[in-house]
N, C-alpha and C. Protein backbone atom coordinates (compact mmCIF):
# COMPACT_ATOMS: atom_id res chain seq x y z
N UNK A 1 0.68 -1.10 -0.26
CA UNK A 1 -0.07 0.05 -0.07
C UNK A 1 0.88 1.26 0.06
N UNK A 2 0.49 2.69 -0.52
CA UNK A 2 1.57 3.74 -0.28
C UNK A 2 1.45 4.31 0.84
N UNK A 3 0.74 4.09 1.77
CA UNK A 3 0.96 4.35 3.08
C UNK A 3 1.27 3.58 3.85
N UNK A 4 2.41 2.96 3.60
CA UNK A 4 2.93 2.08 4.31
C UNK A 4 3.39 2.45 5.72
N UNK A 5 3.97 3.29 5.99
CA UNK A 5 4.42 4.05 7.56
C UNK A 5 3.23 4.37 8.50
N UNK A 6 2.08 4.22 7.91
CA UNK A 6 0.61 4.80 8.45
C UNK A 6 -0.06 3.56 9.59
N UNK A 7 -0.30 3.96 10.84
CA UNK A 7 -0.89 2.81 11.53
C UNK A 7 -2.08 2.53 10.97
N UNK A 8 -2.62 1.35 11.65
CA UNK A 8 -3.95 0.99 11.25
C UNK A 8 -5.04 2.05 11.98
N UNK A 9 -5.03 2.85 12.77
CA UNK A 9 -6.18 4.03 13.13
C UNK A 9 -5.89 4.88 12.32
N UNK A 10 -4.69 5.27 11.67
CA UNK A 10 -4.70 6.38 11.11
C UNK A 10 -5.19 5.83 9.48
N UNK A 11 -5.08 4.77 9.12
CA UNK A 11 -5.52 4.17 7.78
C UNK A 11 -7.14 3.91 7.95
N UNK A 12 -7.70 3.57 9.03
CA UNK A 12 -9.06 3.46 9.18
C UNK A 12 -9.72 5.06 9.47
N UNK A 13 -8.81 5.58 9.93
CA UNK A 13 -9.64 7.36 9.62
C UNK A 13 -9.67 7.99 8.58
N UNK A 14 -8.69 7.76 7.50
CA UNK A 14 -8.92 7.96 6.04
C UNK A 14 -9.70 7.42 5.30
N UNK A 15 -9.74 5.78 5.62
CA UNK A 15 -10.85 5.34 4.97
C UNK A 15 -12.59 5.58 5.32
N UNK A 16 -12.24 5.93 6.14
CA UNK A 16 -13.80 6.49 6.66
C UNK A 16 -14.04 7.88 6.39
N UNK A 17 -13.28 8.53 6.09
CA UNK A 17 -13.10 10.01 5.70
C UNK A 17 -13.50 10.00 3.96
N UNK A 18 -13.27 9.07 3.57
CA UNK A 18 -13.32 8.99 1.96
C UNK A 18 -14.72 8.17 1.95
N UNK A 19 -15.11 7.51 2.83
CA UNK A 19 -16.47 6.65 2.64
C UNK A 19 -17.47 7.29 1.93
N UNK A 20 -18.46 6.40 1.38
CA UNK A 20 -19.47 7.40 0.57
C UNK A 20 -20.84 7.80 1.86
N UNK A 21 -21.52 8.57 1.20
CA UNK A 21 -22.38 9.13 2.69
C UNK A 21 -23.14 7.96 3.16
N UNK A 22 -23.60 6.84 2.59
CA UNK A 22 -24.37 6.22 3.09
C UNK A 22 -23.75 5.23 4.39
N UNK A 23 -22.43 5.41 4.66
CA UNK A 23 -21.78 5.20 5.68
C UNK A 23 -22.14 5.79 7.09
N UNK A 24 -23.24 6.49 6.64
CA UNK A 24 -23.59 7.28 8.09
C UNK A 24 -22.71 8.30 8.94
N UNK A 25 -22.10 9.24 8.45
CA UNK A 25 -20.98 10.16 8.72
C UNK A 25 -20.04 9.19 9.62
N UNK A 26 -19.69 8.18 8.90
CA UNK A 26 -18.23 7.33 9.64
C UNK A 26 -17.24 8.15 10.05
N UNK A 27 -16.82 9.12 9.28
CA UNK A 27 -15.15 10.15 9.33
C UNK A 27 -15.55 10.49 10.83
N UNK A 28 -16.78 10.50 11.60
CA UNK A 28 -16.78 11.02 12.92
C UNK A 28 -17.06 10.18 13.85
N UNK A 29 -16.90 8.90 13.56
CA UNK A 29 -17.28 7.82 14.55
C UNK A 29 -16.11 7.34 15.24
N UNK A 30 -15.85 7.31 16.38
CA UNK A 30 -14.27 6.97 16.95
C UNK A 30 -14.22 5.46 16.86
N UNK A 31 -14.97 4.59 16.91
CA UNK A 31 -14.98 3.16 17.14
C UNK A 31 -14.15 2.62 16.31
N UNK A 32 -14.22 2.82 14.92
CA UNK A 32 -13.30 1.96 14.08
C UNK A 32 -11.69 2.29 14.21
N UNK A 33 -11.68 3.64 14.62
CA UNK A 33 -10.47 3.91 14.67
C UNK A 33 -9.83 3.70 16.07
N UNK A 34 -10.79 3.37 17.17
CA UNK A 34 -9.72 2.97 18.56
C UNK A 34 -9.83 1.17 18.53
N UNK A 35 -10.40 0.53 17.56
CA UNK A 35 -10.47 -0.62 17.19
C UNK A 35 -9.11 -0.88 16.54
N UNK A 36 -8.89 -0.16 15.42
CA UNK A 36 -7.75 -0.59 14.77
C UNK A 36 -6.08 -0.14 15.60
N UNK A 37 -6.61 1.02 16.68
CA UNK A 37 -5.34 0.89 17.75
C UNK A 37 -5.06 -0.13 18.31
N UNK A 38 -6.34 -0.73 19.17
CA UNK A 38 -6.29 -1.96 19.72
C UNK A 38 -5.69 -3.09 19.22
N UNK A 39 -5.86 -3.29 17.73
CA UNK A 39 -5.37 -4.27 16.91
C UNK A 39 -3.96 -4.12 16.63
N UNK A 40 -3.67 -3.02 16.42
CA UNK A 40 -2.11 -2.45 16.43
C UNK A 40 -1.26 -2.77 17.62
N UNK A 41 -1.72 -2.38 18.88
CA UNK A 41 -1.17 -2.93 19.99
C UNK A 41 -1.10 -4.20 20.23
N UNK A 42 -2.19 -5.17 19.97
CA UNK A 42 -2.32 -6.76 19.95
C UNK A 42 -1.05 -7.03 19.34
N UNK A 43 -1.07 -6.42 18.04
CA UNK A 43 -0.07 -7.34 16.69
C UNK A 43 1.51 -6.88 17.49
N UNK A 44 1.27 -6.01 18.08
CA UNK A 44 2.95 -5.44 18.34
C UNK A 44 3.08 -6.14 19.79
N UNK A 45 2.20 -7.17 20.41
CA UNK A 45 2.60 -7.85 21.48
C UNK A 45 2.38 -6.95 23.00
N UNK A 46 1.68 -5.73 22.60
CA UNK A 46 1.93 -4.89 23.85
C UNK A 46 0.55 -5.19 24.64
N UNK A 47 -0.61 -5.48 23.85
CA UNK A 47 -1.66 -5.71 24.64
C UNK A 47 -2.36 -7.20 24.53
N UNK A 48 -2.33 -8.13 25.47
CA UNK A 48 -2.94 -9.74 25.21
C UNK A 48 -4.26 -9.68 25.58
N UNK A 49 -4.77 -11.04 25.29
CA UNK A 49 -5.96 -11.11 25.85
C UNK A 49 -6.13 -12.17 27.07
N UNK A 50 -6.56 -11.69 28.27
CA UNK A 50 -6.64 -12.47 29.32
C UNK A 50 -8.02 -12.89 29.78
N UNK A 51 -8.76 -14.01 29.17
CA UNK A 51 -9.94 -14.54 29.45
C UNK A 51 -10.86 -13.24 29.05
N UNK A 52 -10.78 -12.76 27.89
CA UNK A 52 -11.63 -11.57 27.34
C UNK A 52 -11.13 -10.32 27.63
N UNK A 53 -10.44 -10.04 28.41
CA UNK A 53 -9.70 -8.83 28.98
C UNK A 53 -8.71 -8.54 28.14
N UNK A 54 -8.58 -6.62 27.73
CA UNK A 54 -7.61 -6.40 27.05
C UNK A 54 -6.48 -6.24 28.40
N UNK A 55 -5.41 -6.69 27.90
CA UNK A 55 -4.36 -6.50 29.36
C UNK A 55 -3.01 -6.15 28.77
N UNK A 56 -2.14 -4.84 29.47
CA UNK A 56 -0.98 -4.59 28.91
C UNK A 56 0.21 -5.69 29.44
N UNK A 57 0.95 -5.90 28.23
CA UNK A 57 1.97 -7.18 28.76
C UNK A 57 2.84 -6.67 29.56
N UNK A 58 3.38 -5.34 29.53
CA UNK A 58 4.20 -4.69 30.66
C UNK A 58 4.02 -3.32 30.90
N UNK A 59 4.72 -2.63 31.82
CA UNK A 59 4.07 -1.19 32.29
C UNK A 59 5.39 -0.37 31.72
N UNK A 60 6.11 -0.59 30.61
CA UNK A 60 7.10 0.06 30.74
C UNK A 60 7.38 0.77 29.12
N UNK A 61 6.99 -0.61 28.20
CA UNK A 61 7.25 -0.57 26.77
C UNK A 61 6.51 0.40 26.02
N UNK A 62 7.01 1.35 25.23
CA UNK A 62 6.48 2.12 24.38
C UNK A 62 6.68 1.77 22.89
N UNK A 63 5.58 2.68 21.98
CA UNK A 63 5.92 2.24 20.40
C UNK A 63 6.73 3.51 19.70
N UNK A 64 6.43 4.44 20.34
CA UNK A 64 7.02 5.62 19.72
C UNK A 64 5.95 6.32 18.77
N UNK A 65 4.87 6.31 18.85
CA UNK A 65 3.54 6.67 18.44
C UNK A 65 2.76 7.29 19.33
N UNK A 66 2.76 8.24 19.20
CA UNK A 66 1.69 9.16 20.31
C UNK A 66 0.09 8.83 20.39
N UNK A 67 -0.13 8.16 19.15
CA UNK A 67 -1.66 7.47 19.25
C UNK A 67 -1.62 6.35 20.19
N UNK A 68 -0.88 5.50 19.85
CA UNK A 68 -0.69 4.14 20.18
C UNK A 68 -0.26 4.04 21.77
N UNK A 69 0.43 5.16 21.91
CA UNK A 69 1.01 5.11 23.21
C UNK A 69 0.26 5.87 24.42
N UNK A 70 -0.74 6.59 23.62
CA UNK A 70 -1.80 7.39 24.41
C UNK A 70 -2.72 6.28 24.93
N UNK A 71 -3.17 5.52 23.97
CA UNK A 71 -4.03 4.66 24.24
C UNK A 71 -3.61 3.64 25.56
N UNK A 72 -2.20 3.18 25.26
CA UNK A 72 -1.82 2.17 25.99
C UNK A 72 -1.50 2.37 27.57
N UNK A 73 -1.29 3.75 27.58
CA UNK A 73 -1.46 4.41 28.72
C UNK A 73 -2.41 4.29 29.47
N UNK A 74 -3.44 4.69 28.84
CA UNK A 74 -4.85 4.91 29.29
C UNK A 74 -5.51 3.36 29.65
N UNK A 75 -5.19 2.19 29.14
CA UNK A 75 -5.42 1.29 29.37
C UNK A 75 -4.87 0.61 30.64
N UNK A 76 -3.45 1.12 30.63
CA UNK A 76 -2.53 0.88 31.91
C UNK A 76 -3.25 1.24 32.94
N UNK A 77 -3.55 2.65 33.08
CA UNK A 77 -4.13 3.56 34.22
C UNK A 77 -5.47 2.95 34.52
N UNK A 78 -6.42 2.28 33.46
CA UNK A 78 -7.75 1.96 34.01
C UNK A 78 -8.25 0.80 34.64
N UNK A 79 -9.34 0.57 35.09
CA UNK A 79 -9.47 -0.45 35.74
C UNK A 79 -9.77 -1.78 34.40
N UNK A 80 -9.78 -2.93 34.48
CA UNK A 80 -9.43 -3.73 33.46
C UNK A 80 -10.87 -3.87 32.80
N UNK A 81 -11.01 -4.05 31.47
CA UNK A 81 -12.35 -4.02 30.76
C UNK A 81 -11.93 -4.86 29.33
N UNK A 82 -13.11 -5.49 29.17
CA UNK A 82 -13.15 -6.32 27.52
C UNK A 82 -12.73 -5.52 26.63
N UNK A 83 -12.31 -5.95 25.15
CA UNK A 83 -12.07 -5.55 24.06
C UNK A 83 -13.42 -4.71 23.81
N UNK A 84 -14.45 -5.09 23.66
CA UNK A 84 -15.56 -4.27 23.31
C UNK A 84 -15.68 -3.20 24.05
N UNK A 85 -15.56 -3.10 25.45
CA UNK A 85 -15.85 -1.74 26.15
C UNK A 85 -14.59 -0.75 25.43
N UNK A 86 -13.39 -1.34 25.00
CA UNK A 86 -12.54 -0.31 24.95
C UNK A 86 -12.51 0.55 23.34
N UNK A 87 -13.78 -0.17 22.60
CA UNK A 87 -13.78 0.17 21.54
C UNK A 87 -14.35 1.73 21.66
N UNK A 88 -15.31 1.68 22.39
CA UNK A 88 -15.99 3.22 22.96
C UNK A 88 -15.78 3.81 24.02
N UNK A 89 -15.30 3.29 25.25
CA UNK A 89 -14.52 4.33 26.27
C UNK A 89 -13.64 5.34 25.81
N UNK A 90 -13.80 6.32 26.06
CA UNK A 90 -12.97 7.42 25.96
C UNK A 90 -12.27 7.45 24.49
N UNK A 91 -13.40 6.94 23.55
CA UNK A 91 -12.72 6.66 22.36
C UNK A 91 -12.40 7.96 21.52
N UNK A 92 -13.22 8.90 21.60
CA UNK A 92 -13.04 10.12 21.06
C UNK A 92 -11.50 10.79 21.11
N UNK A 93 -11.02 10.70 22.35
CA UNK A 93 -9.52 10.43 22.84
C UNK A 93 -8.62 9.96 21.59
N UNK A 94 -8.98 8.93 20.90
CA UNK A 94 -7.70 8.77 19.88
C UNK A 94 -8.05 8.92 18.68
N UNK A 95 -9.66 9.18 18.28
CA UNK A 95 -9.76 9.56 17.08
C UNK A 95 -9.34 10.99 16.96
N UNK A 96 -9.47 12.04 18.05
CA UNK A 96 -8.78 13.33 18.19
C UNK A 96 -7.08 13.18 17.36
N UNK A 97 -6.60 12.54 18.60
CA UNK A 97 -4.99 12.21 18.72
C UNK A 97 -4.79 11.89 16.91
N UNK A 98 -5.48 10.90 16.40
CA UNK A 98 -5.17 10.31 15.09
C UNK A 98 -5.56 11.56 14.01
N UNK A 99 -6.27 12.25 14.44
CA UNK A 99 -6.37 13.54 13.22
C UNK A 99 -5.28 14.46 13.35
N UNK A 100 -5.04 14.85 14.61
CA UNK A 100 -3.69 15.76 14.87
C UNK A 100 -2.81 14.99 14.16
N UNK A 101 -2.52 13.94 14.14
CA UNK A 101 -1.50 13.20 13.42
C UNK A 101 -1.31 13.34 12.37
N UNK A 102 -2.42 12.92 11.36
CA UNK A 102 -2.95 13.04 10.07
C UNK A 102 -2.73 14.28 9.26
N UNK A 103 -2.90 15.53 10.31
CA UNK A 103 -2.72 17.08 9.84
C UNK A 103 -1.24 17.05 9.78
N UNK A 104 -0.58 16.80 10.71
CA UNK A 104 0.83 16.65 11.06
C UNK A 104 1.59 16.20 9.81
N UNK A 105 1.12 15.06 9.40
CA UNK A 105 1.69 14.37 8.22
C UNK A 105 0.79 14.71 6.74
N UNK A 106 0.40 15.77 6.96
CA UNK A 106 -0.27 16.09 5.55
C UNK A 106 -1.91 15.60 4.95
N UNK A 107 -2.32 14.70 5.46
CA UNK A 107 -3.43 13.99 5.08
C UNK A 107 -4.65 14.74 5.45
N UNK A 108 -4.54 15.57 6.46
CA UNK A 108 -6.04 16.13 6.40
C UNK A 108 -5.53 17.52 6.88
N UNK A 109 -6.45 18.68 7.06
CA UNK A 109 -6.42 19.94 7.18
C UNK A 109 -7.19 20.54 7.84
N UNK A 110 -6.82 21.02 9.04
CA UNK A 110 -7.21 21.56 9.96
C UNK A 110 -7.94 22.70 9.65
N UNK A 111 -9.06 23.15 10.31
CA UNK A 111 -9.80 24.85 10.12
C UNK A 111 -10.15 25.22 11.20
N UNK A 112 -9.93 26.32 11.87
CA UNK A 112 -10.60 26.72 12.92
C UNK A 112 -11.73 27.73 12.72
N UNK A 113 -12.94 26.97 13.68
CA UNK A 113 -14.01 28.04 13.29
C UNK A 113 -14.66 28.47 14.92
N UNK A 114 -15.87 29.32 14.45
CA UNK A 114 -16.28 29.49 15.75
C UNK A 114 -17.93 28.98 15.83
N UNK A 115 -18.08 28.10 16.57
CA UNK A 115 -19.78 27.72 16.83
C UNK A 115 -20.54 29.09 17.33
N UNK A 116 -21.51 29.17 16.64
CA UNK A 116 -22.55 30.35 16.96
C UNK A 116 -21.40 31.85 17.28
N UNK A 117 -20.30 31.74 16.47
CA UNK A 117 -19.84 32.78 16.51
C UNK A 117 -18.82 33.24 17.86
N UNK A 118 -18.80 32.26 18.90
CA UNK A 118 -18.29 32.53 19.83
C UNK A 118 -17.58 31.31 20.39
N UNK A 119 -17.84 29.85 20.06
CA UNK A 119 -16.74 28.90 20.84
C UNK A 119 -15.99 28.27 19.88
N UNK A 120 -14.83 28.43 20.06
CA UNK A 120 -13.84 27.64 18.99
C UNK A 120 -14.08 26.26 18.74
N UNK A 121 -13.68 26.16 17.62
CA UNK A 121 -13.92 24.53 17.12
C UNK A 121 -13.21 24.51 15.87
N UNK A 122 -12.50 23.08 15.76
CA UNK A 122 -11.77 22.79 14.45
C UNK A 122 -12.53 21.85 13.78
N UNK A 123 -12.77 22.12 12.36
CA UNK A 123 -12.93 21.24 11.26
C UNK A 123 -11.79 20.67 10.59
N UNK A 124 -12.07 19.30 10.17
CA UNK A 124 -10.95 18.79 9.26
C UNK A 124 -11.48 18.49 7.66
N UNK A 125 -10.64 18.55 6.61
CA UNK A 125 -10.94 18.44 5.77
C UNK A 125 -9.99 17.68 4.86
N UNK A 126 -10.05 16.56 4.09
CA UNK A 126 -9.27 15.87 3.56
C UNK A 126 -8.51 16.49 2.53
N UNK A 127 -7.03 16.30 2.97
CA UNK A 127 -6.06 16.97 1.88
C UNK A 127 -5.17 16.06 0.85
N UNK A 128 -5.03 14.77 0.97
CA UNK A 128 -4.21 14.11 0.21
C UNK A 128 -5.26 13.37 -0.13
N UNK A 129 -6.15 13.61 -1.19
CA UNK A 129 -7.39 12.84 -1.74
C UNK A 129 -6.74 11.62 -2.36
N UNK A 130 -5.83 12.07 -3.49
CA UNK A 130 -5.28 10.74 -4.49
C UNK A 130 -4.83 9.67 -3.59
N UNK A 131 -3.98 9.95 -2.52
CA UNK A 131 -3.38 8.83 -1.67
C UNK A 131 -4.36 8.03 -1.06
N UNK A 132 -5.67 8.77 -0.63
CA UNK A 132 -6.64 8.42 0.12
C UNK A 132 -7.40 7.35 -1.06
N UNK A 133 -7.51 7.97 -2.30
CA UNK A 133 -8.51 6.85 -3.00
C UNK A 133 -7.72 5.67 -3.60
N UNK A 134 -6.33 5.75 -3.51
CA UNK A 134 -5.60 4.65 -3.54
C UNK A 134 -5.57 3.59 -2.57
N UNK A 135 -5.54 4.24 -1.29
CA UNK A 135 -5.92 3.14 -0.24
C UNK A 135 -7.14 2.76 0.09
N UNK A 136 -8.34 3.46 -0.55
CA UNK A 136 -9.42 2.70 -0.28
C UNK A 136 -9.62 1.56 -1.60
N UNK A 137 -9.14 1.95 -2.77
CA UNK A 137 -9.16 0.79 -3.87
C UNK A 137 -8.23 -0.29 -3.60
N UNK A 138 -7.22 -0.41 -3.19
CA UNK A 138 -6.50 -1.44 -2.87
C UNK A 138 -7.10 -2.33 -1.29
N UNK A 139 -7.77 -1.31 -0.60
CA UNK A 139 -8.16 -2.10 0.48
C UNK A 139 -9.55 -2.94 0.12
N UNK A 140 -10.10 -2.43 -0.84
CA UNK A 140 -11.20 -2.81 -1.66
C UNK A 140 -10.68 -4.10 -2.51
N UNK A 141 -9.89 -4.14 -2.73
CA UNK A 141 -9.30 -5.46 -3.65
C UNK A 141 -9.25 -6.33 -2.38
N UNK A 142 -8.46 -6.08 -1.29
CA UNK A 142 -8.26 -7.13 -0.53
C UNK A 142 -9.79 -7.96 0.00
N UNK A 143 -10.60 -6.90 0.11
CA UNK A 143 -11.72 -7.57 0.75
C UNK A 143 -12.47 -8.59 -0.56
N UNK A 144 -12.46 -7.86 -1.63
CA UNK A 144 -13.13 -8.61 -2.92
C UNK A 144 -12.38 -9.41 -3.75
N UNK A 145 -10.97 -9.57 -3.46
CA UNK A 145 -10.16 -10.47 -4.26
C UNK A 145 -9.88 -9.52 -5.57
N UNK A 146 -9.34 -10.09 -6.45
CA UNK A 146 -8.80 -11.59 -6.57
C UNK A 146 -7.55 -12.23 -6.17
N UNK A 147 -6.86 -11.52 -5.32
CA UNK A 147 -5.54 -11.71 -4.65
C UNK A 147 -6.26 -12.54 -3.49
N UNK A 148 -5.11 -14.03 -3.68
CA UNK A 148 -5.43 -15.02 -2.34
C UNK A 148 -5.23 -14.41 -0.80
N UNK A 149 -5.75 -14.78 -0.08
CA UNK A 149 -5.58 -14.32 1.35
C UNK A 149 -4.49 -14.57 1.48
N UNK A 150 -3.81 -15.69 1.31
CA UNK A 150 -2.61 -16.08 1.78
C UNK A 150 -1.32 -15.42 1.35
N UNK A 151 -1.71 -14.57 0.13
CA UNK A 151 -0.68 -13.46 -0.12
C UNK A 151 -0.81 -11.84 0.70
N UNK A 152 -2.24 -11.95 1.11
CA UNK A 152 -2.04 -10.50 1.69
C UNK A 152 -1.20 -10.38 3.22
N UNK A 153 -0.88 -9.36 3.48
CA UNK A 153 -0.26 -9.13 4.68
C UNK A 153 -1.32 -9.28 6.06
N UNK A 154 -0.81 -9.23 7.18
CA UNK A 154 -1.35 -9.70 8.51
C UNK A 154 -2.39 -7.92 8.55
N UNK A 155 -1.15 -7.05 8.35
CA UNK A 155 -2.05 -6.15 8.76
C UNK A 155 -2.97 -5.34 7.75
N UNK A 156 -2.74 -5.69 6.56
CA UNK A 156 -3.92 -5.37 5.62
C UNK A 156 -5.29 -5.95 5.61
N UNK A 157 -5.10 -7.34 6.30
CA UNK A 157 -6.01 -8.51 6.49
C UNK A 157 -6.94 -7.54 7.55
N UNK A 158 -6.31 -7.33 8.64
CA UNK A 158 -6.92 -6.75 10.00
C UNK A 158 -7.62 -5.31 9.65
N UNK A 159 -7.24 -4.52 8.53
CA UNK A 159 -7.64 -3.15 8.03
C UNK A 159 -8.93 -3.38 7.39
N UNK A 160 -8.65 -4.04 6.53
CA UNK A 160 -10.02 -4.78 5.55
C UNK A 160 -10.94 -5.06 6.39
N UNK A 161 -10.62 -6.20 7.23
CA UNK A 161 -11.78 -6.77 8.36
C UNK A 161 -12.63 -5.62 8.95
N UNK A 162 -11.74 -4.66 9.62
CA UNK A 162 -12.47 -3.81 10.34
C UNK A 162 -13.11 -2.60 9.84
N UNK A 163 -12.61 -2.24 8.49
CA UNK A 163 -13.27 -1.35 7.39
C UNK A 163 -14.74 -1.80 7.09
N UNK A 164 -14.53 -3.32 6.54
CA UNK A 164 -15.71 -4.16 6.41
C UNK A 164 -17.07 -4.16 7.62
N UNK A 165 -16.53 -4.14 8.70
CA UNK A 165 -17.22 -4.48 9.99
C UNK A 165 -17.94 -2.67 10.32
N UNK A 166 -16.93 -1.69 10.06
CA UNK A 166 -17.86 -0.40 9.83
C UNK A 166 -18.50 0.02 8.77
N UNK A 167 -18.96 -0.97 8.27
CA UNK A 167 -19.89 -0.30 6.87
C UNK A 167 -18.82 0.44 5.82
N UNK A 168 -17.31 0.42 5.64
CA UNK A 168 -17.20 1.37 4.76
C UNK A 168 -17.04 1.19 3.27
N UNK A 169 -17.27 -0.22 3.18
CA UNK A 169 -17.68 -0.46 1.81
C UNK A 169 -19.04 -1.14 1.23
N UNK A 170 -19.89 -0.78 2.29
CA UNK A 170 -21.26 -1.14 2.12
C UNK A 170 -21.25 -2.35 2.52
N UNK A 171 -22.56 -3.22 1.70
CA UNK A 171 -22.95 -4.85 1.93
C UNK A 171 -22.46 -5.59 0.96
N UNK A 172 -21.16 -5.18 0.19
CA UNK A 172 -20.88 -5.87 -0.96
C UNK A 172 -19.70 -6.97 -0.54
N UNK A 173 -18.97 -6.86 0.49
CA UNK A 173 -18.15 -7.90 1.15
C UNK A 173 -18.73 -9.46 1.38
N UNK A 174 -18.04 -10.32 0.97
CA UNK A 174 -18.30 -11.63 1.04
C UNK A 174 -18.21 -12.30 2.38
N UNK A 175 -19.37 -12.73 3.02
CA UNK A 175 -19.22 -13.08 4.43
C UNK A 175 -17.66 -14.22 4.54
N UNK A 176 -17.86 -15.19 3.66
CA UNK A 176 -16.78 -15.78 3.57
C UNK A 176 -15.42 -15.25 3.30
N UNK A 177 -14.66 -14.29 2.73
CA UNK A 177 -14.03 -13.67 2.49
C UNK A 177 -13.58 -12.91 3.74
N UNK A 178 -14.51 -12.45 4.28
CA UNK A 178 -13.87 -11.53 5.51
C UNK A 178 -13.55 -12.59 6.30
N UNK A 179 -13.99 -14.05 6.73
CA UNK A 179 -13.57 -14.83 7.72
C UNK A 179 -12.15 -15.42 7.29
N UNK A 180 -12.01 -15.56 6.36
CA UNK A 180 -10.73 -15.75 6.01
C UNK A 180 -9.63 -14.72 6.04
N UNK A 181 -10.14 -13.33 5.74
CA UNK A 181 -9.22 -12.33 6.25
C UNK A 181 -8.85 -12.54 7.87
N UNK A 182 -10.12 -12.46 8.53
CA UNK A 182 -9.93 -12.43 9.85
C UNK A 182 -8.70 -13.55 10.31
N UNK A 183 -8.97 -14.72 9.71
CA UNK A 183 -8.11 -15.86 10.07
C UNK A 183 -6.79 -15.31 9.75
N UNK A 184 -6.36 -14.88 8.65
CA UNK A 184 -4.95 -14.25 8.21
C UNK A 184 -4.60 -13.16 9.26
N UNK A 185 -5.46 -12.19 9.68
CA UNK A 185 -5.23 -11.12 10.29
C UNK A 185 -4.33 -11.72 11.52
N UNK A 186 -4.52 -12.47 12.02
CA UNK A 186 -4.39 -13.25 13.41
C UNK A 186 -3.33 -14.52 13.06
N UNK A 187 -2.81 -14.85 11.80
CA UNK A 187 -1.59 -15.70 11.61
C UNK A 187 -0.48 -15.86 12.46
N UNK A 188 -0.11 -14.54 12.62
CA UNK A 188 1.25 -14.65 13.02
C UNK A 188 1.27 -14.37 14.57
N UNK A 189 0.28 -13.79 15.25
CA UNK A 189 0.19 -13.44 16.90
C UNK A 189 -0.82 -14.10 17.64
N UNK A 190 -0.55 -14.85 18.25
CA UNK A 190 -1.20 -16.17 19.28
C UNK A 190 -2.42 -15.06 19.77
N UNK A 191 -3.52 -15.48 19.60
CA UNK A 191 -4.83 -14.70 20.24
C UNK A 191 -5.47 -13.78 19.51
N UNK A 192 -4.70 -13.35 18.30
CA UNK A 192 -5.02 -12.31 17.59
C UNK A 192 -6.32 -12.32 16.75
N UNK A 193 -6.70 -13.58 16.15
CA UNK A 193 -7.87 -13.98 15.70
C UNK A 193 -9.09 -13.41 16.51
N UNK A 194 -8.92 -14.11 17.78
CA UNK A 194 -10.22 -13.89 18.66
C UNK A 194 -10.16 -12.16 18.84
N UNK A 195 -9.24 -11.47 19.28
CA UNK A 195 -9.02 -10.42 19.48
C UNK A 195 -9.83 -9.21 18.23
N UNK A 196 -9.38 -9.90 17.06
CA UNK A 196 -9.84 -9.02 15.70
C UNK A 196 -11.56 -9.37 15.49
N UNK A 197 -11.87 -10.64 15.57
CA UNK A 197 -13.04 -10.97 15.65
C UNK A 197 -13.91 -10.33 16.64
N UNK A 198 -13.78 -10.33 18.04
CA UNK A 198 -14.50 -9.38 18.95
C UNK A 198 -14.73 -7.74 18.57
N UNK A 199 -13.39 -7.31 18.20
CA UNK A 199 -13.35 -5.87 17.78
C UNK A 199 -14.70 -5.57 16.58
N UNK A 200 -14.34 -6.46 15.64
CA UNK A 200 -15.16 -6.52 14.68
C UNK A 200 -16.70 -6.46 14.83
N UNK A 201 -16.95 -7.18 15.54
CA UNK A 201 -18.39 -7.33 16.20
C UNK A 201 -18.64 -5.92 16.93
N UNK A 202 -18.11 -5.46 17.75
CA UNK A 202 -18.14 -4.24 18.28
C UNK A 202 -18.13 -3.50 17.45
N UNK A 203 -17.50 -3.26 16.31
CA UNK A 203 -17.39 -1.95 15.40
C UNK A 203 -18.74 -1.93 14.65
N UNK A 204 -19.36 -3.40 14.02
CA UNK A 204 -20.69 -3.24 13.58
C UNK A 204 -21.68 -3.29 14.08
N UNK A 205 -21.83 -3.37 15.66
CA UNK A 205 -22.67 -2.88 16.52
C UNK A 205 -22.79 -1.23 16.56
N UNK A 206 -21.43 -0.94 16.41
CA UNK A 206 -21.60 0.90 16.90
C UNK A 206 -22.00 1.15 15.77
N UNK A 207 -21.75 0.84 14.36
CA UNK A 207 -21.82 1.38 13.07
C UNK A 207 -23.40 1.28 12.88
N UNK A 208 -24.17 0.22 13.41
CA UNK A 208 -25.56 -0.12 13.27
C UNK A 208 -26.32 0.64 14.11
N UNK A 209 -25.86 1.36 14.94
CA UNK A 209 -26.53 2.29 15.99
C UNK A 209 -26.32 3.38 15.26
N UNK A 210 -25.14 3.88 14.78
CA UNK A 210 -25.11 5.14 14.08
C UNK A 210 -25.82 5.56 12.72
N UNK A 211 -26.18 4.38 12.12
CA UNK A 211 -26.96 4.46 10.88
C UNK A 211 -28.55 4.33 11.21
N UNK A 212 -28.75 3.78 12.21
CA UNK A 212 -30.41 3.66 12.71
C UNK A 212 -31.10 4.96 12.42
N UNK A 213 -32.27 4.75 11.80
CA UNK A 213 -33.03 6.25 12.00
C UNK A 213 -33.26 6.77 13.31
């Protein structure tokens, strides 16, 4: 993918921004971005599953990424929670941090405004549209084929699964393909399949609530 250095939460944020209007304002939903950050930390071995609880593996290691380290610190300092809970618990913090990161890297543009002419606010706009279009097309190809699942990287598989769960590609994703990608996403990390599956279900549930009348 052209955006190799970008983390999963950053990629999910960009995919949501570029999604069709039918995705129900996905660019402003923090759940998919938070889920991506949780998967990223699990992939790096910094979060593990203990009886369904997202558990830090140690109290000192960091990633060097402000978004991931912020979430890792939050998990360390909080009461134990299941993965599903972390998809929504203070998830706006992660979304805001990802947006700031993407502004710094030139993918988004921040525009300061005032609500009702008084209250300061920041609105974001997509800046690198061509790069996001490529990211979206390559993710769509991961979801729909024809590339064999075995030739897809674990990270790209996880990205595609979470994007599909968030409804960013409509209803066109074959169920069997999604299941195969979920298996692929956890191929190299013990316990990651179950984590991806649980987070995907939570993201799907959140998307259903967001798009309901």
